[in-house]
Amino acid sequence: MAALAAKNGIEPHAGHGLTYDNVQPVAAIPQLAELNIGHYLIGEAIFTGLETAVLRMRELMDAARPSTGSG
């Protein structure tokens, strides 16, 4: 659906229910412009701190996306 949306000029977003365990397959969808993961991160932050929770999620998301070759 993300590919069809992008083909038709719609910027697809996904989220709500994403966790450390399930974010990578969703983050790997190249057409997705944004992932909404705030609720889970705030819950995790109670136990690990906000910076740690955000950095862990960012690492998982980045690992799921193909490298752009820049940097």
PDB file of N, CA and C in Angstrom:
ATOM      1  N   MET A   1       0.817  -1.191   0.000  1.00  0.00           N
ATOM      2  CA  MET A   1       0.000   0.000   0.000  1.00  0.00           C
ATOM      3  C   MET A   1       0.861   1.254   0.000  1.00  0.00           C
ATOM      4  N   ALA A   2       2.011   1.189   0.679  1.00  0.00           N
ATOM      5  CA  ALA A   2       2.896   2.359   0.697  1.00  0.00           C
ATOM      6  C   ALA A   2       3.381   2.691  -0.710  1.00  0.00           C
ATOM      7  N   ALA A   3       3.709   1.678  -1.491  1.00  0.00           N
ATOM      8  CA  ALA A   3       4.165   1.905  -2.865  1.00  0.00           C
ATOM      9  C   ALA A   3       3.051   2.507  -3.711  1.00  0.00           C
ATOM     10  N   LEU A   4       1.833   2.015  -3.556  1.00  0.00           N
ATOM     11  CA  LEU A   4       0.698   2.547  -4.304  1.00  0.00           C
ATOM     12  C   LEU A   4       0.414   3.991  -3.899  1.00  0.00           C
ATOM     13  N   ALA A   5       0.470   4.265  -2.602  1.00  0.00           N
ATOM     14  CA  ALA A   5       0.242   5.631  -2.127  1.00  0.00           C
ATOM     15  C   ALA A   5       1.286   6.574  -2.719  1.00  0.00           C
ATOM     16  N   ALA A   6       2.563   6.200  -2.635  1.00  0.00           N
ATOM     17  CA  ALA A   6       3.629   7.049  -3.167  1.00  0.00           C
ATOM     18  C   ALA A   6       3.472   7.254  -4.668  1.00  0.00           C
ATOM     19  N   LYS A   7       3.078   6.206  -5.377  1.00  0.00           N
ATOM     20  CA  LYS A   7       2.867   6.298  -6.826  1.00  0.00           C
ATOM     21  C   LYS A   7       1.779   7.320  -7.151  1.00  0.00           C
ATOM     22  N   ASN A   8       0.828   7.475  -6.254  1.00  0.00           N
ATOM     23  CA  ASN A   8      -0.280   8.404  -6.468  1.00  0.00           C
ATOM     24  C   ASN A   8      -0.086   9.747  -5.773  1.00  0.00           C
ATOM     25  N   GLY A   9       1.156  10.036  -5.390  1.00  0.00           N
ATOM     26  CA  GLY A   9       1.479  11.344  -4.831  1.00  0.00           C
ATOM     27  C   GLY A   9       1.132  11.519  -3.356  1.00  0.00           C
ATOM     28  N   ILE A  10       0.888  10.430  -2.669  1.00  0.00           N
ATOM     29  CA  ILE A  10       0.556  10.494  -1.249  1.00  0.00           C
ATOM     30  C   ILE A  10       1.792  10.100  -0.450  1.00  0.00           C
ATOM     31  N   GLU A  11       2.136  10.874   0.574  1.00  0.00           N
ATOM     32  CA  GLU A  11       3.282  10.573   1.427  1.00  0.00           C
ATOM     33  C   GLU A  11       2.827   9.642   2.552  1.00  0.00           C
ATOM     34  N   PRO A  12       3.138   8.359   2.467  1.00  0.00           N
ATOM     35  CA  PRO A  12       2.639   7.426   3.474  1.00  0.00           C
ATOM     36  C   PRO A  12       3.419   7.485   4.787  1.00  0.00           C
ATOM     37  N   HIS A  13       2.688   7.351   5.872  1.00  0.00           N
ATOM     38  CA  HIS A  13       3.239   7.271   7.223  1.00  0.00           C
ATOM     39  C   HIS A  13       2.718   5.982   7.836  1.00  0.00           C
ATOM     40  N   ALA A  14       3.426   5.474   8.836  1.00  0.00           N
ATOM     41  CA  ALA A  14       2.987   4.259   9.518  1.00  0.00           C
ATOM     42  C   ALA A  14       3.318   4.376  10.997  1.00  0.00           C
ATOM     43  N   GLY A  15       2.666   3.553  11.792  1.00  0.00           N
ATOM     44  CA  GLY A  15       3.007   3.547  13.197  1.00  0.00           C
ATOM     45  C   GLY A  15       1.881   3.064  14.067  1.00  0.00           C
ATOM     46  N   HIS A  16       1.911   3.528  15.305  1.00  0.00           N
ATOM     47  CA  HIS A  16       0.915   3.157  16.311  1.00  0.00           C
ATOM     48  C   HIS A  16       0.939   1.650  16.515  1.00  0.00           C
ATOM     49  N   GLY A  17       1.719   1.231  17.467  1.00  0.00           N
ATOM     50  CA  GLY A  17       1.885  -0.181  17.750  1.00  0.00           C
ATOM     51  C   GLY A  17       3.284  -0.678  17.428  1.00  0.00           C
ATOM     52  N   LEU A  18       4.142   0.201  16.940  1.00  0.00           N
ATOM     53  CA  LEU A  18       5.511  -0.211  16.642  1.00  0.00           C
ATOM     54  C   LEU A  18       6.311  -0.324  17.937  1.00  0.00           C
ATOM     55  N   THR A  19       7.127  -1.374  18.002  1.00  0.00           N
ATOM     56  CA  THR A  19       7.963  -1.645  19.163  1.00  0.00           C
ATOM     57  C   THR A  19       9.370  -1.996  18.683  1.00  0.00           C
ATOM     58  N   TYR A  20      10.277  -2.213  19.621  1.00  0.00           N
ATOM     59  CA  TYR A  20      11.611  -2.674  19.246  1.00  0.00           C
ATOM     60  C   TYR A  20      11.529  -3.984  18.460  1.00  0.00           C
ATOM     61  N   ASP A  21      10.570  -4.812  18.792  1.00  0.00           N
ATOM     62  CA  ASP A  21      10.456  -6.132  18.180  1.00  0.00           C
ATOM     63  C   ASP A  21       9.887  -6.121  16.761  1.00  0.00           C
ATOM     64  N   ASN A  22       9.087  -5.113  16.417  1.00  0.00           N
ATOM     65  CA  ASN A  22       8.431  -5.158  15.100  1.00  0.00           C
ATOM     66  C   ASN A  22       8.732  -3.968  14.194  1.00  0.00           C
ATOM     67  N   VAL A  23       9.584  -3.043  14.612  1.00  0.00           N
ATOM     68  CA  VAL A  23       9.808  -1.831  13.826  1.00  0.00           C
ATOM     69  C   VAL A  23      10.625  -2.079  12.555  1.00  0.00           C
ATOM     70  N   GLN A  24      11.537  -3.037  12.569  1.00  0.00           N
ATOM     71  CA  GLN A  24      12.428  -3.182  11.420  1.00  0.00           C
ATOM     72  C   GLN A  24      11.734  -3.544  10.112  1.00  0.00           C
ATOM     73  N   PRO A  25      10.820  -4.492  10.078  1.00  0.00           N
ATOM     74  CA  PRO A  25      10.161  -4.762   8.790  1.00  0.00           C
ATOM     75  C   PRO A  25       9.373  -3.557   8.264  1.00  0.00           C
ATOM     76  N   VAL A  26       8.806  -2.786   9.157  1.00  0.00           N
ATOM     77  CA  VAL A  26       8.054  -1.601   8.730  1.00  0.00           C
ATOM     78  C   VAL A  26       9.019  -0.510   8.276  1.00  0.00           C
ATOM     79  N   ALA A  27      10.087  -0.283   9.040  1.00  0.00           N
ATOM     80  CA  ALA A  27      11.071   0.743   8.671  1.00  0.00           C
ATOM     81  C   ALA A  27      11.747   0.420   7.342  1.00  0.00           C
ATOM     82  N   ALA A  28      11.781  -0.845   6.958  1.00  0.00           N
ATOM     83  CA  ALA A  28      12.418  -1.251   5.706  1.00  0.00           C
ATOM     84  C   ALA A  28      11.592  -0.904   4.474  1.00  0.00           C
ATOM     85  N   ILE A  29      10.351  -0.487   4.642  1.00  0.00           N
ATOM     86  CA  ILE A  29       9.510  -0.103   3.504  1.00  0.00           C
ATOM     87  C   ILE A  29      10.000   1.252   3.001  1.00  0.00           C
ATOM     88  N   PRO A  30      10.609   1.299   1.826  1.00  0.00           N
ATOM     89  CA  PRO A  30      11.286   2.523   1.388  1.00  0.00           C
ATOM     90  C   PRO A  30      10.368   3.722   1.156  1.00  0.00           C
ATOM     91  N   GLN A  31       9.111   3.492   0.859  1.00  0.00           N
ATOM     92  CA  GLN A  31       8.212   4.603   0.557  1.00  0.00           C
ATOM     93  C   GLN A  31       7.712   5.334   1.809  1.00  0.00           C
ATOM     94  N   LEU A  32       7.887   4.755   2.975  1.00  0.00           N
ATOM     95  CA  LEU A  32       7.380   5.399   4.184  1.00  0.00           C
ATOM     96  C   LEU A  32       8.200   6.631   4.516  1.00  0.00           C
ATOM     97  N   ALA A  33       7.501   7.729   4.697  1.00  0.00           N
ATOM     98  CA  ALA A  33       8.153   8.997   4.994  1.00  0.00           C
ATOM     99  C   ALA A  33       8.304   9.225   6.491  1.00  0.00           C
ATOM    100  N   GLU A  34       7.495   8.565   7.296  1.00  0.00           N
ATOM    101  CA  GLU A  34       7.515   8.811   8.737  1.00  0.00           C
ATOM    102  C   GLU A  34       6.981   7.595   9.481  1.00  0.00           C
ATOM    103  N   LEU A  35       7.562   7.338  10.647  1.00  0.00           N
ATOM    104  CA  LEU A  35       7.061   6.310  11.552  1.00  0.00           C
ATOM    105  C   LEU A  35       6.616   6.994  12.840  1.00  0.00           C
ATOM    106  N   ASN A  36       5.435   6.665  13.319  1.00  0.00           N
ATOM    107  CA  ASN A  36       4.899   7.229  14.554  1.00  0.00           C
ATOM    108  C   ASN A  36       5.087   6.213  15.671  1.00  0.00           C
ATOM    109  N   ILE A  37       6.002   6.505  16.573  1.00  0.00           N
ATOM    110  CA  ILE A  37       6.358   5.542  17.609  1.00  0.00           C
ATOM    111  C   ILE A  37       6.390   6.157  18.996  1.00  0.00           C
ATOM    112  N   GLY A  38       5.834   7.308  19.177  1.00  0.00           N
ATOM    113  CA  GLY A  38       5.938   8.052  20.431  1.00  0.00           C
ATOM    114  C   GLY A  38       5.420   7.326  21.656  1.00  0.00           C
ATOM    115  N   HIS A  39       4.273   6.699  21.572  1.00  0.00           N
ATOM    116  CA  HIS A  39       3.667   6.058  22.734  1.00  0.00           C
ATOM    117  C   HIS A  39       4.589   4.972  23.285  1.00  0.00           C
ATOM    118  N   TYR A  40       5.093   4.132  22.446  1.00  0.00           N
ATOM    119  CA  TYR A  40       5.987   3.061  22.886  1.00  0.00           C
ATOM    120  C   TYR A  40       7.258   3.639  23.512  1.00  0.00           C
ATOM    121  N   LEU A  41       7.825   4.660  22.874  1.00  0.00           N
ATOM    122  CA  LEU A  41       9.074   5.229  23.384  1.00  0.00           C
ATOM    123  C   LEU A  41       8.895   5.832  24.773  1.00  0.00           C
ATOM    124  N   ILE A  42       7.804   6.491  25.007  1.00  0.00           N
ATOM    125  CA  ILE A  42       7.562   7.070  26.325  1.00  0.00           C
ATOM    126  C   ILE A  42       7.414   5.960  27.365  1.00  0.00           C
ATOM    127  N   GLY A  43       6.741   4.887  27.010  1.00  0.00           N
ATOM    128  CA  GLY A  43       6.632   3.750  27.917  1.00  0.00           C
ATOM    129  C   GLY A  43       7.993   3.151  28.240  1.00  0.00           C
ATOM    130  N   GLU A  44       8.822   2.965  27.234  1.00  0.00           N
ATOM    131  CA  GLU A  44      10.169   2.435  27.458  1.00  0.00           C
ATOM    132  C   GLU A  44      11.019   3.396  28.267  1.00  0.00           C
ATOM    133  N   ALA A  45      10.824   4.685  28.051  1.00  0.00           N
ATOM    134  CA  ALA A  45      11.615   5.702  28.741  1.00  0.00           C
ATOM    135  C   ALA A  45      11.416   5.650  30.253  1.00  0.00           C
ATOM    136  N   ILE A  46      10.281   5.172  30.693  1.00  0.00           N
ATOM    137  CA  ILE A  46      10.047   5.032  32.134  1.00  0.00           C
ATOM    138  C   ILE A  46      11.106   4.114  32.736  1.00  0.00           C
ATOM    139  N   PHE A  47      11.523   3.104  31.981  1.00  0.00           N
ATOM    140  CA  PHE A  47      12.470   2.114  32.488  1.00  0.00           C
ATOM    141  C   PHE A  47      13.917   2.417  32.123  1.00  0.00           C
ATOM    142  N   THR A  48      14.142   3.027  30.954  1.00  0.00           N
ATOM    143  CA  THR A  48      15.519   3.191  30.468  1.00  0.00           C
ATOM    144  C   THR A  48      15.963   4.633  30.320  1.00  0.00           C
ATOM    145  N   GLY A  49      15.034   5.581  30.384  1.00  0.00           N
ATOM    146  CA  GLY A  49      15.345   6.981  30.104  1.00  0.00           C
ATOM    147  C   GLY A  49      15.015   7.300  28.658  1.00  0.00           C
ATOM    148  N   LEU A  50      14.608   8.524  28.403  1.00  0.00           N
ATOM    149  CA  LEU A  50      14.156   8.908  27.062  1.00  0.00           C
ATOM    150  C   LEU A  50      15.274   8.819  26.026  1.00  0.00           C
ATOM    151  N   GLU A  51      16.457   9.304  26.357  1.00  0.00           N
ATOM    152  CA  GLU A  51      17.549   9.277  25.389  1.00  0.00           C
ATOM    153  C   GLU A  51      17.888   7.843  24.977  1.00  0.00           C
ATOM    154  N   THR A  52      17.984   6.947  25.934  1.00  0.00           N
ATOM    155  CA  THR A  52      18.297   5.551  25.638  1.00  0.00           C
ATOM    156  C   THR A  52      17.214   4.916  24.777  1.00  0.00           C
ATOM    157  N   ALA A  53      15.953   5.167  25.117  1.00  0.00           N
ATOM    158  CA  ALA A  53      14.840   4.589  24.354  1.00  0.00           C
ATOM    159  C   ALA A  53      14.847   5.087  22.910  1.00  0.00           C
ATOM    160  N   VAL A  54      15.048   6.379  22.720  1.00  0.00           N
ATOM    161  CA  VAL A  54      15.052   6.956  21.365  1.00  0.00           C
ATOM    162  C   VAL A  54      16.243   6.445  20.569  1.00  0.00           C
ATOM    163  N   LEU A  55      17.415   6.420  21.190  1.00  0.00           N
ATOM    164  CA  LEU A  55      18.603   5.941  20.475  1.00  0.00           C
ATOM    165  C   LEU A  55      18.462   4.483  20.046  1.00  0.00           C
ATOM    166  N   ARG A  56      17.901   3.650  20.898  1.00  0.00           N
ATOM    167  CA  ARG A  56      17.704   2.233  20.549  1.00  0.00           C
ATOM    168  C   ARG A  56      16.757   2.101  19.353  1.00  0.00           C
ATOM    169  N   MET A  57      15.655   2.829  19.372  1.00  0.00           N
ATOM    170  CA  MET A  57      14.695   2.772  18.265  1.00  0.00           C
ATOM    171  C   MET A  57      15.336   3.292  16.986  1.00  0.00           C
ATOM    172  N   ARG A  58      16.096   4.360  17.085  1.00  0.00           N
ATOM    173  CA  ARG A  58      16.756   4.946  15.910  1.00  0.00           C
ATOM    174  C   ARG A  58      17.740   3.948  15.304  1.00  0.00           C
ATOM    175  N   GLU A  59      18.487   3.252  16.160  1.00  0.00           N
ATOM    176  CA  GLU A  59      19.430   2.235  15.674  1.00  0.00           C
ATOM    177  C   GLU A  59      18.704   1.138  14.905  1.00  0.00           C
ATOM    178  N   LEU A  60      17.596   0.672  15.441  1.00  0.00           N
ATOM    179  CA  LEU A  60      16.829  -0.380  14.774  1.00  0.00           C
ATOM    180  C   LEU A  60      16.271   0.104  13.433  1.00  0.00           C
ATOM    181  N   MET A  61      15.752   1.325  13.419  1.00  0.00           N
ATOM    182  CA  MET A  61      15.204   1.874  12.174  1.00  0.00           C
ATOM    183  C   MET A  61      16.286   2.061  11.132  1.00  0.00           C
ATOM    184  N   ASP A  62      17.420   2.624  11.544  1.00  0.00           N
ATOM    185  CA  ASP A  62      18.520   2.840  10.606  1.00  0.00           C
ATOM    186  C   ASP A  62      19.050   1.526  10.045  1.00  0.00           C
ATOM    187  N   ALA A  63      19.131   0.497  10.888  1.00  0.00           N
ATOM    188  CA  ALA A  63      19.627  -0.804  10.429  1.00  0.00           C
ATOM    189  C   ALA A  63      18.696  -1.440   9.407  1.00  0.00           C
ATOM    190  N   ALA A  64      17.424  -1.100   9.466  1.00  0.00           N
ATOM    191  CA  ALA A  64      16.440  -1.679   8.545  1.00  0.00           C
ATOM    192  C   ALA A  64      16.445  -1.021   7.172  1.00  0.00           C
ATOM    193  N   ARG A  65      16.932   0.203   7.110  1.00  0.00           N
ATOM    194  CA  ARG A  65      16.945   0.945   5.837  1.00  0.00           C
ATOM    195  C   ARG A  65      18.246   0.699   5.092  1.00  0.00           C
ATOM    196  N   PRO A  66      18.180   0.559   3.781  1.00  0.00           N
ATOM    197  CA  PRO A  66      19.417   0.405   3.008  1.00  0.00           C
ATOM    198  C   PRO A  66      20.255   1.682   3.095  1.00  0.00           C
ATOM    199  N   SER A  67      21.545   1.512   3.095  1.00  0.00           N
ATOM    200  CA  SER A  67      22.452   2.658   3.153  1.00  0.00           C
ATOM    201  C   SER A  67      22.294   3.508   1.898  1.00  0.00           C
ATOM    202  N   THR A  68      22.359   4.830   2.088  1.00  0.00           N
ATOM    203  CA  THR A  68      22.249   5.744   0.959  1.00  0.00           C
ATOM    204  C   THR A  68      23.605   5.964   0.295  1.00  0.00           C
ATOM    205  N   GLY A  69      24.674   5.498   0.967  1.00  0.00           N
ATOM    206  CA  GLY A  69      26.002   5.665   0.390  1.00  0.00           C
ATOM    207  C   GLY A  69      26.620   7.000   0.682  1.00  0.00           C
ATOM    208  N   SER A  70      25.887   7.902   1.363  1.00  0.00           N
ATOM    209  CA  SER A  70      26.463   9.206   1.691  1.00  0.00           C
ATOM    210  C   SER A  70      27.027   9.167   3.089  1.00  0.00           C
ATOM    211  N   GLY A  71      28.032  10.035   3.349  1.00  0.00           N
ATOM    212  CA  GLY A  71      28.598  10.151   4.685  1.00  0.00           C
ATOM    213  C   GLY A  71      29.796   9.423   4.799  1.00  0.00           C
TER     214      GLY A  71
END
